[in-house]
PDB file of N, CA and C in Angstrom:
ATOM      1  N   MET A   1       8.172 -23.898  -8.260  1.00  0.00           N
ATOM      2  CA  MET A   1       7.288 -22.766  -8.080  1.00  0.00           C
ATOM      3  C   MET A   1       7.001 -22.144  -9.447  1.00  0.00           C
ATOM      4  N   PRO A   2       5.717 -21.932  -9.790  1.00  0.00           N
ATOM      5  CA  PRO A   2       5.395 -21.368 -11.099  1.00  0.00           C
ATOM      6  C   PRO A   2       5.860 -19.912 -11.206  1.00  0.00           C
ATOM      7  N   THR A   3       6.303 -19.562 -12.384  1.00  0.00           N
ATOM      8  CA  THR A   3       6.757 -18.203 -12.638  1.00  0.00           C
ATOM      9  C   THR A   3       5.605 -17.385 -13.203  1.00  0.00           C
ATOM     10  N   THR A   4       5.407 -16.205 -12.658  1.00  0.00           N
ATOM     11  CA  THR A   4       4.378 -15.311 -13.155  1.00  0.00           C
ATOM     12  C   THR A   4       5.003 -14.387 -14.191  1.00  0.00           C
ATOM     13  N   LEU A   5       4.452 -14.370 -15.369  1.00  0.00           N
ATOM     14  CA  LEU A   5       4.966 -13.506 -16.421  1.00  0.00           C
ATOM     15  C   LEU A   5       4.421 -12.098 -16.245  1.00  0.00           C
ATOM     16  N   ALA A   6       5.267 -11.127 -16.499  1.00  0.00           N
ATOM     17  CA  ALA A   6       4.851  -9.736 -16.416  1.00  0.00           C
ATOM     18  C   ALA A   6       3.885  -9.429 -17.561  1.00  0.00           C
ATOM     19  N   LYS A   7       2.958  -8.556 -17.285  1.00  0.00           N
ATOM     20  CA  LYS A   7       2.025  -8.106 -18.316  1.00  0.00           C
ATOM     21  C   LYS A   7       2.702  -7.011 -19.134  1.00  0.00           C
ATOM     22  N   ILE A   8       2.433  -6.987 -20.399  1.00  0.00           N
ATOM     23  CA  ILE A   8       3.006  -5.979 -21.287  1.00  0.00           C
ATOM     24  C   ILE A   8       1.963  -4.897 -21.516  1.00  0.00           C
ATOM     25  N   LEU A   9       2.393  -3.648 -21.401  1.00  0.00           N
ATOM     26  CA  LEU A   9       1.494  -2.510 -21.525  1.00  0.00           C
ATOM     27  C   LEU A   9       2.120  -1.483 -22.459  1.00  0.00           C
ATOM     28  N   THR A  10       1.350  -0.996 -23.388  1.00  0.00           N
ATOM     29  CA  THR A  10       1.805   0.083 -24.257  1.00  0.00           C
ATOM     30  C   THR A  10       1.208   1.378 -23.730  1.00  0.00           C
ATOM     31  N   VAL A  11       2.063   2.376 -23.532  1.00  0.00           N
ATOM     32  CA  VAL A  11       1.616   3.649 -22.976  1.00  0.00           C
ATOM     33  C   VAL A  11       2.034   4.767 -23.923  1.00  0.00           C
ATOM     34  N   ARG A  12       1.126   5.677 -24.155  1.00  0.00           N
ATOM     35  CA  ARG A  12       1.459   6.867 -24.953  1.00  0.00           C
ATOM     36  C   ARG A  12       1.765   8.003 -23.991  1.00  0.00           C
ATOM     37  N   LEU A  13       2.933   8.595 -24.137  1.00  0.00           N
ATOM     38  CA  LEU A  13       3.344   9.695 -23.279  1.00  0.00           C
ATOM     39  C   LEU A  13       3.582  10.946 -24.107  1.00  0.00           C
ATOM     40  N   ASP A  14       3.261  12.065 -23.509  1.00  0.00           N
ATOM     41  CA  ASP A  14       3.612  13.347 -24.095  1.00  0.00           C
ATOM     42  C   ASP A  14       5.136  13.377 -24.251  1.00  0.00           C
ATOM     43  N   PRO A  15       5.647  13.885 -25.355  1.00  0.00           N
ATOM     44  CA  PRO A  15       7.107  13.889 -25.560  1.00  0.00           C
ATOM     45  C   PRO A  15       7.883  14.534 -24.412  1.00  0.00           C
ATOM     46  N   ASN A  16       7.361  15.621 -23.849  1.00  0.00           N
ATOM     47  CA  ASN A  16       8.056  16.281 -22.736  1.00  0.00           C
ATOM     48  C   ASN A  16       8.082  15.386 -21.497  1.00  0.00           C
ATOM     49  N   LEU A  17       6.981  14.699 -21.236  1.00  0.00           N
ATOM     50  CA  LEU A  17       6.924  13.781 -20.097  1.00  0.00           C
ATOM     51  C   LEU A  17       7.882  12.618 -20.315  1.00  0.00           C
ATOM     52  N   TYR A  18       7.927  12.112 -21.537  1.00  0.00           N
ATOM     53  CA  TYR A  18       8.840  11.016 -21.863  1.00  0.00           C
ATOM     54  C   TYR A  18      10.290  11.432 -21.633  1.00  0.00           C
ATOM     55  N   GLU A  19      10.658  12.605 -22.121  1.00  0.00           N
ATOM     56  CA  GLU A  19      12.036  13.088 -21.967  1.00  0.00           C
ATOM     57  C   GLU A  19      12.384  13.290 -20.490  1.00  0.00           C
ATOM     58  N   ALA A  20      11.468  13.872 -19.726  1.00  0.00           N
ATOM     59  CA  ALA A  20      11.716  14.091 -18.293  1.00  0.00           C
ATOM     60  C   ALA A  20      11.856  12.759 -17.561  1.00  0.00           C
ATOM     61  N   ALA A  21      11.010  11.797 -17.892  1.00  0.00           N
ATOM     62  CA  ALA A  21      11.072  10.482 -17.257  1.00  0.00           C
ATOM     63  C   ALA A  21      12.368   9.771 -17.632  1.00  0.00           C
ATOM     64  N   THR A  22      12.777   9.892 -18.867  1.00  0.00           N
ATOM     65  CA  THR A  22      14.021   9.276 -19.313  1.00  0.00           C
ATOM     66  C   THR A  22      15.217   9.881 -18.580  1.00  0.00           C
ATOM     67  N   ARG A  23      15.233  11.204 -18.440  1.00  0.00           N
ATOM     68  CA  ARG A  23      16.324  11.865 -17.705  1.00  0.00           C
ATOM     69  C   ARG A  23      16.364  11.395 -16.250  1.00  0.00           C
ATOM     70  N   LEU A  24      15.186  11.323 -15.627  1.00  0.00           N
ATOM     71  CA  LEU A  24      15.122  10.902 -14.224  1.00  0.00           C
ATOM     72  C   LEU A  24      15.557   9.446 -14.069  1.00  0.00           C
ATOM     73  N   SER A  25      15.142   8.600 -14.999  1.00  0.00           N
ATOM     74  CA  SER A  25      15.534   7.191 -14.899  1.00  0.00           C
ATOM     75  C   SER A  25      17.053   7.045 -15.037  1.00  0.00           C
ATOM     76  N   LYS A  26      17.661   7.820 -15.918  1.00  0.00           N
ATOM     77  CA  LYS A  26      19.122   7.768 -16.068  1.00  0.00           C
ATOM     78  C   LYS A  26      19.811   8.300 -14.811  1.00  0.00           C
ATOM     79  N   LYS A  27      19.263   9.373 -14.252  1.00  0.00           N
ATOM     80  CA  LYS A  27      19.832   9.965 -13.041  1.00  0.00           C
ATOM     81  C   LYS A  27      19.783   8.970 -11.882  1.00  0.00           C
ATOM     82  N   ARG A  28      18.701   8.211 -11.802  1.00  0.00           N
ATOM     83  CA  ARG A  28      18.541   7.208 -10.732  1.00  0.00           C
ATOM     84  C   ARG A  28      19.155   5.852 -11.087  1.00  0.00           C
ATOM     85  N   ARG A  29      19.708   5.777 -12.285  1.00  0.00           N
ATOM     86  CA  ARG A  29      20.308   4.525 -12.773  1.00  0.00           C
ATOM     87  C   ARG A  29      19.297   3.377 -12.771  1.00  0.00           C
ATOM     88  N   LEU A  30      18.119   3.693 -13.284  1.00  0.00           N
ATOM     89  CA  LEU A  30      17.038   2.725 -13.428  1.00  0.00           C
ATOM     90  C   LEU A  30      16.635   2.682 -14.893  1.00  0.00           C
ATOM     91  N   SER A  31      16.052   1.584 -15.276  1.00  0.00           N
ATOM     92  CA  SER A  31      15.443   1.558 -16.604  1.00  0.00           C
ATOM     93  C   SER A  31      14.165   2.393 -16.530  1.00  0.00           C
ATOM     94  N   LEU A  32      13.704   2.843 -17.657  1.00  0.00           N
ATOM     95  CA  LEU A  32      12.446   3.589 -17.695  1.00  0.00           C
ATOM     96  C   LEU A  32      11.312   2.709 -17.186  1.00  0.00           C
ATOM     97  N   ASN A  33      11.349   1.433 -17.523  1.00  0.00           N
ATOM     98  CA  ASN A  33      10.356   0.471 -17.048  1.00  0.00           C
ATOM     99  C   ASN A  33      10.351   0.416 -15.518  1.00  0.00           C
ATOM    100  N   ALA A  34      11.538   0.310 -14.901  1.00  0.00           N
ATOM    101  CA  ALA A  34      11.638   0.240 -13.438  1.00  0.00           C
ATOM    102  C   ALA A  34      11.139   1.534 -12.794  1.00  0.00           C
ATOM    103  N   LEU A  35      11.472   2.671 -13.400  1.00  0.00           N
ATOM    104  CA  LEU A  35      11.004   3.953 -12.879  1.00  0.00           C
ATOM    105  C   LEU A  35       9.482   4.033 -12.913  1.00  0.00           C
ATOM    106  N   LEU A  36       8.885   3.606 -14.009  1.00  0.00           N
ATOM    107  CA  LEU A  36       7.427   3.647 -14.133  1.00  0.00           C
ATOM    108  C   LEU A  36       6.768   2.683 -13.148  1.00  0.00           C
ATOM    109  N   GLN A  37       7.341   1.495 -12.982  1.00  0.00           N
ATOM    110  CA  GLN A  37       6.783   0.545 -12.015  1.00  0.00           C
ATOM    111  C   GLN A  37       6.872   1.098 -10.598  1.00  0.00           C
ATOM    112  N   GLU A  38       8.030   1.657 -10.250  1.00  0.00           N
ATOM    113  CA  GLU A  38       8.221   2.248  -8.921  1.00  0.00           C
ATOM    114  C   GLU A  38       7.217   3.373  -8.683  1.00  0.00           C
ATOM    115  N   SER A  39       7.043   4.208  -9.688  1.00  0.00           N
ATOM    116  CA  SER A  39       6.118   5.339  -9.565  1.00  0.00           C
ATOM    117  C   SER A  39       4.674   4.871  -9.422  1.00  0.00           C
ATOM    118  N   LEU A  40       4.295   3.877 -10.180  1.00  0.00           N
ATOM    119  CA  LEU A  40       2.937   3.352 -10.105  1.00  0.00           C
ATOM    120  C   LEU A  40       2.690   2.677  -8.755  1.00  0.00           C
ATOM    121  N   GLN A  41       3.677   1.931  -8.263  1.00  0.00           N
ATOM    122  CA  GLN A  41       3.543   1.309  -6.933  1.00  0.00           C
ATOM    123  C   GLN A  41       3.371   2.371  -5.859  1.00  0.00           C
ATOM    124  N   ARG A  42       4.137   3.448  -5.935  1.00  0.00           N
ATOM    125  CA  ARG A  42       4.027   4.536  -4.958  1.00  0.00           C
ATOM    126  C   ARG A  42       2.648   5.194  -5.045  1.00  0.00           C
ATOM    127  N   LEU A  43       2.171   5.419  -6.255  1.00  0.00           N
ATOM    128  CA  LEU A  43       0.852   6.020  -6.456  1.00  0.00           C
ATOM    129  C   LEU A  43      -0.244   5.151  -5.854  1.00  0.00           C
ATOM    130  N   LEU A  44      -0.171   3.839  -6.079  1.00  0.00           N
ATOM    131  CA  LEU A  44      -1.164   2.917  -5.531  1.00  0.00           C
ATOM    132  C   LEU A  44      -1.104   2.881  -4.005  1.00  0.00           C
ATOM    133  N   LYS A  45       0.094   2.904  -3.445  1.00  0.00           N
ATOM    134  CA  LYS A  45       0.265   2.912  -1.984  1.00  0.00           C
ATOM    135  C   LYS A  45      -0.322   4.192  -1.395  1.00  0.00           C
ATOM    136  N   GLU A  46      -0.055   5.329  -2.027  1.00  0.00           N
ATOM    137  CA  GLU A  46      -0.603   6.602  -1.564  1.00  0.00           C
ATOM    138  C   GLU A  46      -2.132   6.589  -1.619  1.00  0.00           C
ATOM    139  N   ALA A  47      -2.704   6.019  -2.674  1.00  0.00           N
ATOM    140  CA  ALA A  47      -4.159   5.939  -2.793  1.00  0.00           C
ATOM    141  C   ALA A  47      -4.734   5.040  -1.701  1.00  0.00           C
ATOM    142  N   GLU A  48      -4.079   3.922  -1.422  1.00  0.00           N
ATOM    143  CA  GLU A  48      -4.534   3.023  -0.363  1.00  0.00           C
ATOM    144  C   GLU A  48      -4.439   3.707   1.005  1.00  0.00           C
ATOM    145  N   ASP A  49      -3.324   4.399   1.249  1.00  0.00           N
ATOM    146  CA  ASP A  49      -3.157   5.115   2.515  1.00  0.00           C
ATOM    147  C   ASP A  49      -4.232   6.192   2.676  1.00  0.00           C
ATOM    148  N   ARG A  50      -4.528   6.887   1.608  1.00  0.00           N
ATOM    149  CA  ARG A  50      -5.549   7.943   1.642  1.00  0.00           C
ATOM    150  C   ARG A  50      -6.926   7.338   1.936  1.00  0.00           C
ATOM    151  N   GLU A  51      -7.213   6.209   1.325  1.00  0.00           N
ATOM    152  CA  GLU A  51      -8.495   5.540   1.548  1.00  0.00           C
ATOM    153  C   GLU A  51      -8.624   5.100   3.014  1.00  0.00           C
ATOM    154  N   LEU A  52      -7.549   4.549   3.572  1.00  0.00           N
ATOM    155  CA  LEU A  52      -7.563   4.151   4.989  1.00  0.00           C
ATOM    156  C   LEU A  52      -7.718   5.366   5.904  1.00  0.00           C
ATOM    157  N   TYR A  53      -7.045   6.452   5.560  1.00  0.00           N
ATOM    158  CA  TYR A  53      -7.149   7.682   6.345  1.00  0.00           C
ATOM    159  C   TYR A  53      -8.584   8.202   6.342  1.00  0.00           C
ATOM    160  N   GLU A  54      -9.196   8.217   5.167  1.00  0.00           N
ATOM    161  CA  GLU A  54     -10.575   8.708   5.061  1.00  0.00           C
ATOM    162  C   GLU A  54     -11.536   7.800   5.831  1.00  0.00           C
ATOM    163  N   ALA A  55     -11.295   6.497   5.808  1.00  0.00           N
ATOM    164  CA  ALA A  55     -12.134   5.565   6.567  1.00  0.00           C
ATOM    165  C   ALA A  55     -11.974   5.814   8.064  1.00  0.00           C
ATOM    166  N   ALA A  56     -10.755   6.060   8.503  1.00  0.00           N
ATOM    167  CA  ALA A  56     -10.516   6.354   9.919  1.00  0.00           C
ATOM    168  C   ALA A  56     -11.179   7.667  10.313  1.00  0.00           C
ATOM    169  N   GLU A  57     -11.150   8.645   9.423  1.00  0.00           N
ATOM    170  CA  GLU A  57     -11.833   9.918   9.691  1.00  0.00           C
ATOM    171  C   GLU A  57     -13.326   9.697   9.896  1.00  0.00           C
ATOM    172  N   LEU A  58     -13.923   8.849   9.054  1.00  0.00           N
ATOM    173  CA  LEU A  58     -15.348   8.557   9.197  1.00  0.00           C
ATOM    174  C   LEU A  58     -15.631   7.895  10.536  1.00  0.00           C
ATOM    175  N   LEU A  59     -14.777   6.966  10.927  1.00  0.00           N
ATOM    176  CA  LEU A  59     -14.957   6.310  12.225  1.00  0.00           C
ATOM    177  C   LEU A  59     -14.834   7.314  13.363  1.00  0.00           C
ATOM    178  N   GLY A  60     -13.924   8.249  13.204  1.00  0.00           N
ATOM    179  CA  GLY A  60     -13.712   9.260  14.234  1.00  0.00           C
ATOM    180  C   GLY A  60     -14.891  10.203  14.411  1.00  0.00           C
ATOM    181  N   GLN A  61     -15.746  10.282  13.422  1.00  0.00           N
ATOM    182  CA  GLN A  61     -16.910  11.159  13.515  1.00  0.00           C
ATOM    183  C   GLN A  61     -17.994  10.568  14.410  1.00  0.00           C
ATOM    184  N   SER A  62     -17.934   9.263  14.651  1.00  0.00           N
ATOM    185  CA  SER A  62     -18.926   8.594  15.488  1.00  0.00           C
ATOM    186  C   SER A  62     -18.212   7.712  16.519  1.00  0.00           C
ATOM    187  N   PRO A  63     -17.532   8.321  17.490  1.00  0.00           N
ATOM    188  CA  PRO A  63     -16.743   7.518  18.430  1.00  0.00           C
ATOM    189  C   PRO A  63     -17.571   6.526  19.246  1.00  0.00           C
ATOM    190  N   ASP A  64     -18.821   6.849  19.525  1.00  0.00           N
ATOM    191  CA  ASP A  64     -19.652   5.926  20.301  1.00  0.00           C
ATOM    192  C   ASP A  64     -19.899   4.618  19.551  1.00  0.00           C
ATOM    193  N   GLU A  65     -19.975   4.700  18.241  1.00  0.00           N
ATOM    194  CA  GLU A  65     -20.214   3.509  17.431  1.00  0.00           C
ATOM    195  C   GLU A  65     -18.937   2.690  17.230  1.00  0.00           C
ATOM    196  N   CYS A  66     -17.795   3.258  17.606  1.00  0.00           N
ATOM    197  CA  CYS A  66     -16.514   2.590  17.383  1.00  0.00           C
ATOM    198  C   CYS A  66     -15.920   2.030  18.666  1.00  0.00           C
ATOM    199  N   ASP A  67     -16.679   1.994  19.723  1.00  0.00           N
ATOM    200  CA  ASP A  67     -16.171   1.528  21.007  1.00  0.00           C
ATOM    201  C   ASP A  67     -15.849   0.038  20.929  1.00  0.00           C
ATOM    202  N   VAL A  68     -14.594  -0.297  21.161  1.00  0.00           N
ATOM    203  CA  VAL A  68     -14.165  -1.695  21.137  1.00  0.00           C
ATOM    204  C   VAL A  68     -13.608  -2.130  22.491  1.00  0.00           C
ATOM    205  N   GLU A  69     -13.842  -1.316  23.484  1.00  0.00           N
ATOM    206  CA  GLU A  69     -13.307  -1.609  24.811  1.00  0.00           C
ATOM    207  C   GLU A  69     -13.803  -2.952  25.337  1.00  0.00           C
ATOM    208  N   TYR A  70     -15.008  -3.324  24.949  1.00  0.00           N
ATOM    209  CA  TYR A  70     -15.568  -4.602  25.409  1.00  0.00           C
ATOM    210  C   TYR A  70     -14.707  -5.790  24.983  1.00  0.00           C
ATOM    211  N   ALA A  71     -13.911  -5.643  23.934  1.00  0.00           N
ATOM    212  CA  ALA A  71     -13.132  -6.764  23.411  1.00  0.00           C
ATOM    213  C   ALA A  71     -11.710  -6.827  23.966  1.00  0.00           C
ATOM    214  N   PHE A  72     -11.299  -5.835  24.753  1.00  0.00           N
ATOM    215  CA  PHE A  72      -9.926  -5.800  25.247  1.00  0.00           C
ATOM    216  C   PHE A  72      -9.545  -7.038  26.054  1.00  0.00           C
ATOM    217  N   ALA A  73     -10.418  -7.502  26.914  1.00  0.00           N
ATOM    218  CA  ALA A  73     -10.087  -8.651  27.760  1.00  0.00           C
ATOM    219  C   ALA A  73      -9.804  -9.889  26.906  1.00  0.00           C
ATOM    220  N   ALA A  74     -10.649 -10.151  25.939  1.00  0.00           N
ATOM    221  CA  ALA A  74     -10.455 -11.316  25.073  1.00  0.00           C
ATOM    222  C   ALA A  74      -9.195 -11.159  24.222  1.00  0.00           C
ATOM    223  N   GLN A  75      -8.950  -9.963  23.721  1.00  0.00           N
ATOM    224  CA  GLN A  75      -7.757  -9.730  22.918  1.00  0.00           C
ATOM    225  C   GLN A  75      -6.499  -9.907  23.760  1.00  0.00           C
ATOM    226  N   SER A  76      -6.518  -9.414  24.989  1.00  0.00           N
ATOM    227  CA  SER A  76      -5.364  -9.553  25.879  1.00  0.00           C
ATOM    228  C   SER A  76      -5.098 -11.020  26.172  1.00  0.00           C
ATOM    229  N   GLU A  77      -6.168 -11.770  26.410  1.00  0.00           N
ATOM    230  CA  GLU A  77      -6.021 -13.193  26.716  1.00  0.00           C
ATOM    231  C   GLU A  77      -5.329 -13.922  25.567  1.00  0.00           C
ATOM    232  N   VAL A  78      -5.737 -13.637  24.355  1.00  0.00           N
ATOM    233  CA  VAL A  78      -5.151 -14.292  23.189  1.00  0.00           C
ATOM    234  C   VAL A  78      -3.729 -13.795  22.947  1.00  0.00           C
ATOM    235  N   ALA A  79      -3.519 -12.483  23.058  1.00  0.00           N
ATOM    236  CA  ALA A  79      -2.201 -11.910  22.783  1.00  0.00           C
ATOM    237  C   ALA A  79      -1.156 -12.363  23.795  1.00  0.00           C
ATOM    238  N   LEU A  80      -1.561 -12.554  25.030  1.00  0.00           N
ATOM    239  CA  LEU A  80      -0.617 -12.921  26.073  1.00  0.00           C
ATOM    240  C   LEU A  80      -0.468 -14.428  26.259  1.00  0.00           C
ATOM    241  N   MET A  81      -1.246 -15.203  25.516  1.00  0.00           N
ATOM    242  CA  MET A  81      -1.207 -16.654  25.647  1.00  0.00           C
ATOM    243  C   MET A  81       0.134 -17.182  25.153  1.00  0.00           C
ATOM    244  N   SER A  82       0.712 -18.083  25.893  1.00  0.00           N
ATOM    245  CA  SER A  82       1.951 -18.730  25.496  1.00  0.00           C
ATOM    246  C   SER A  82       1.648 -19.668  24.330  1.00  0.00           C
ATOM    247  N   PRO A  83       2.546 -19.726  23.360  1.00  0.00           N
ATOM    248  CA  PRO A  83       2.282 -20.637  22.243  1.00  0.00           C
ATOM    249  C   PRO A  83       2.298 -22.103  22.678  1.00  0.00           C
ATOM    250  N   TYR A  84       2.771 -22.364  23.900  1.00  0.00           N
ATOM    251  CA  TYR A  84       2.843 -23.735  24.381  1.00  0.00           C
ATOM    252  C   TYR A  84       1.625 -24.124  25.229  1.00  0.00           C
ATOM    253  N   GLU A  85       0.780 -23.145  25.542  1.00  0.00           N
ATOM    254  CA  GLU A  85      -0.431 -23.450  26.328  1.00  0.00           C
ATOM    255  C   GLU A  85      -1.473 -24.104  25.435  1.00  0.00           C
ATOM    256  N   GLU A  86      -2.263 -24.950  26.043  1.00  0.00           N
ATOM    257  CA  GLU A  86      -3.383 -25.529  25.306  1.00  0.00           C
ATOM    258  C   GLU A  86      -4.518 -24.528  25.316  1.00  0.00           C
ATOM    259  N   LYS A  87      -5.251 -24.509  24.248  1.00  0.00           N
ATOM    260  CA  LYS A  87      -6.372 -23.565  24.146  1.00  0.00           C
ATOM    261  C   LYS A  87      -7.596 -24.118  24.789  1.00  0.00           C
TER     262      LYS A  87
END
């Protein structure tokens, strides 16, 4: 299996932010690199969740256009199908 190399990034931080991040990383027993990666992953997840929430809000504004009841029978048929049945 091929190994993916991590990308190297140089970041300039305000000295106070650097010191606070360093203290937090030591408190959590993480490297500063691991703390920054964890924080960035959380930020990206929050942004994705927010985007999905906003999309759902838009759908909720037009419930008539979002009616999927017509597809329930077909979805049930597929979901309840035994993996041993022939299609």
